[in-house]
């Protein structure tokens, strides 16, 4: 399991765009996928939003 945390959605999108442009990263990711158990060669990505309630007393 990998968990990544970003300041906001804009920062997340910039990071994903940079990753997708890097050929070496894509090659490493393909190599990683080839090591997964064949029945479960599925990678799921889920997005969660963290909200914080700030009380100013």
N, C-alpha and C. Protein backbone atom coordinates (compact mmCIF):
# COMPACT_ATOMS: atom_id res chain seq x y z
N UNK A 1 0.85 -1.17 0.00
CA UNK A 1 0.00 0.00 0.00
C UNK A 1 0.89 1.23 0.00
N UNK A 2 0.54 2.17 -0.82
CA UNK A 2 1.25 3.43 -0.89
C UNK A 2 0.26 4.55 -0.60
N UNK A 3 0.64 5.46 0.26
CA UNK A 3 -0.20 6.61 0.57
C UNK A 3 0.60 7.87 0.28
N UNK A 4 0.02 8.71 -0.55
CA UNK A 4 0.66 9.99 -0.89
C UNK A 4 -0.26 11.11 -0.42
N UNK A 5 0.35 12.15 0.09
CA UNK A 5 -0.42 13.28 0.60
C UNK A 5 0.03 14.54 -0.13
N UNK A 6 -0.93 15.32 -0.60
CA UNK A 6 -0.64 16.54 -1.34
C UNK A 6 -1.34 17.72 -0.68
N UNK A 7 -0.77 18.88 -0.87
CA UNK A 7 -1.32 20.11 -0.28
C UNK A 7 -2.73 20.38 -0.78
N UNK A 8 -2.94 20.19 -2.10
CA UNK A 8 -4.25 20.42 -2.69
C UNK A 8 -4.34 19.65 -4.01
N UNK A 9 -5.49 19.72 -4.65
CA UNK A 9 -5.70 18.96 -5.88
C UNK A 9 -4.81 19.46 -7.02
N UNK A 10 -4.52 20.75 -7.04
CA UNK A 10 -3.64 21.31 -8.07
C UNK A 10 -2.23 20.72 -7.96
N UNK A 11 -1.71 20.63 -6.75
CA UNK A 11 -0.39 20.04 -6.53
C UNK A 11 -0.38 18.56 -6.94
N UNK A 12 -1.46 17.86 -6.61
CA UNK A 12 -1.59 16.45 -7.00
C UNK A 12 -1.53 16.31 -8.52
N UNK A 13 -2.29 17.12 -9.21
CA UNK A 13 -2.35 17.03 -10.68
C UNK A 13 -1.00 17.36 -11.31
N UNK A 14 -0.29 18.35 -10.79
CA UNK A 14 1.04 18.69 -11.30
C UNK A 14 1.99 17.51 -11.12
N UNK A 15 1.91 16.86 -9.97
CA UNK A 15 2.78 15.71 -9.69
C UNK A 15 2.49 14.55 -10.63
N UNK A 16 1.21 14.26 -10.84
CA UNK A 16 0.83 13.18 -11.73
C UNK A 16 1.28 13.47 -13.16
N UNK A 17 1.12 14.70 -13.60
CA UNK A 17 1.57 15.08 -14.95
C UNK A 17 3.07 14.88 -15.11
N UNK A 18 3.85 15.27 -14.10
CA UNK A 18 5.31 15.09 -14.16
C UNK A 18 5.68 13.61 -14.20
N UNK A 19 5.02 12.83 -13.37
CA UNK A 19 5.29 11.39 -13.32
C UNK A 19 4.98 10.75 -14.66
N UNK A 20 3.87 11.11 -15.25
CA UNK A 20 3.46 10.51 -16.52
C UNK A 20 4.38 10.89 -17.68
N UNK A 21 5.11 11.97 -17.55
CA UNK A 21 6.03 12.41 -18.61
C UNK A 21 7.40 11.72 -18.53
N UNK A 22 7.73 11.14 -17.38
CA UNK A 22 9.04 10.55 -17.16
C UNK A 22 9.09 9.11 -17.65
N UNK A 23 9.85 8.87 -18.71
CA UNK A 23 9.95 7.53 -19.30
C UNK A 23 10.52 6.52 -18.29
N UNK A 24 11.53 6.92 -17.53
CA UNK A 24 12.16 6.01 -16.57
C UNK A 24 11.16 5.57 -15.49
N UNK A 25 10.34 6.50 -15.02
CA UNK A 25 9.34 6.15 -14.01
C UNK A 25 8.33 5.17 -14.60
N UNK A 26 7.91 5.39 -15.84
CA UNK A 26 6.96 4.49 -16.50
C UNK A 26 7.56 3.09 -16.65
N UNK A 27 8.84 3.02 -16.98
CA UNK A 27 9.50 1.72 -17.10
C UNK A 27 9.58 1.01 -15.76
N UNK A 28 9.89 1.74 -14.70
CA UNK A 28 9.94 1.15 -13.36
C UNK A 28 8.56 0.67 -12.92
N UNK A 29 7.54 1.43 -13.24
CA UNK A 29 6.18 1.05 -12.88
C UNK A 29 5.77 -0.23 -13.62
N UNK A 30 6.13 -0.34 -14.88
CA UNK A 30 5.84 -1.56 -15.65
C UNK A 30 6.55 -2.76 -15.05
N UNK A 31 7.80 -2.56 -14.64
CA UNK A 31 8.56 -3.64 -14.01
C UNK A 31 7.89 -4.05 -12.70
N UNK A 32 7.42 -3.08 -11.93
CA UNK A 32 6.72 -3.36 -10.67
C UNK A 32 5.46 -4.18 -10.94
N UNK A 33 4.67 -3.76 -11.93
CA UNK A 33 3.44 -4.47 -12.25
C UNK A 33 3.71 -5.92 -12.64
N UNK A 34 4.81 -6.16 -13.31
CA UNK A 34 5.12 -7.52 -13.75
C UNK A 34 5.43 -8.44 -12.57
N UNK A 35 5.75 -7.88 -11.40
CA UNK A 35 6.05 -8.67 -10.22
C UNK A 35 4.82 -9.03 -9.39
N UNK A 36 3.70 -8.43 -9.70
CA UNK A 36 2.48 -8.69 -8.94
C UNK A 36 1.98 -10.11 -9.20
N UNK A 37 1.31 -10.68 -8.22
CA UNK A 37 0.72 -12.01 -8.38
C UNK A 37 -0.27 -11.95 -9.53
N UNK A 38 -0.20 -12.91 -10.42
CA UNK A 38 -0.97 -12.86 -11.66
C UNK A 38 -2.48 -12.74 -11.44
N UNK A 39 -3.04 -13.37 -10.40
CA UNK A 39 -4.48 -13.27 -10.16
C UNK A 39 -4.88 -11.88 -9.68
N UNK A 40 -3.93 -11.16 -9.12
CA UNK A 40 -4.24 -9.85 -8.54
C UNK A 40 -3.36 -8.77 -9.14
N UNK A 41 -3.21 -8.78 -10.45
CA UNK A 41 -2.36 -7.79 -11.11
C UNK A 41 -3.10 -6.48 -11.33
N UNK A 42 -3.95 -6.17 -10.41
CA UNK A 42 -4.75 -4.97 -10.54
C UNK A 42 -4.27 -3.94 -9.52
N UNK A 43 -4.07 -2.73 -9.98
CA UNK A 43 -3.68 -1.64 -9.09
C UNK A 43 -4.85 -0.67 -9.04
N UNK A 44 -5.31 -0.41 -7.84
CA UNK A 44 -6.43 0.51 -7.65
C UNK A 44 -5.91 1.82 -7.08
N UNK A 45 -6.47 2.88 -7.58
CA UNK A 45 -6.13 4.20 -7.03
C UNK A 45 -7.40 4.82 -6.50
N UNK A 46 -7.34 5.26 -5.27
CA UNK A 46 -8.48 5.90 -4.65
C UNK A 46 -8.07 7.28 -4.16
N UNK A 47 -8.98 8.20 -4.28
CA UNK A 47 -8.72 9.55 -3.83
C UNK A 47 -9.58 9.84 -2.61
N UNK A 48 -8.97 10.44 -1.63
CA UNK A 48 -9.66 10.82 -0.41
C UNK A 48 -9.37 12.28 -0.12
N UNK A 49 -10.32 12.92 0.45
CA UNK A 49 -10.16 14.33 0.81
C UNK A 49 -10.14 14.43 2.33
N UNK A 50 -9.12 15.06 2.84
CA UNK A 50 -9.01 15.25 4.27
C UNK A 50 -9.53 16.64 4.61
N UNK A 51 -10.47 16.69 5.53
CA UNK A 51 -11.01 17.97 5.95
C UNK A 51 -10.71 18.16 7.43
N UNK A 52 -10.34 19.37 7.76
CA UNK A 52 -10.04 19.70 9.15
C UNK A 52 -10.98 20.83 9.59
N UNK A 53 -11.53 20.67 10.75
CA UNK A 53 -12.38 21.70 11.33
C UNK A 53 -11.52 22.55 12.26
N UNK A 54 -11.48 23.82 12.00
CA UNK A 54 -10.69 24.73 12.81
C UNK A 54 -11.65 25.65 13.57
N UNK A 55 -11.56 25.61 14.87
CA UNK A 55 -12.39 26.48 15.70
C UNK A 55 -11.56 27.65 16.18
N UNK A 56 -12.00 28.83 15.89
CA UNK A 56 -11.32 30.04 16.36
C UNK A 56 -12.13 30.65 17.49
N UNK A 57 -11.69 30.38 18.70
CA UNK A 57 -12.40 30.93 19.86
C UNK A 57 -11.80 32.21 20.31
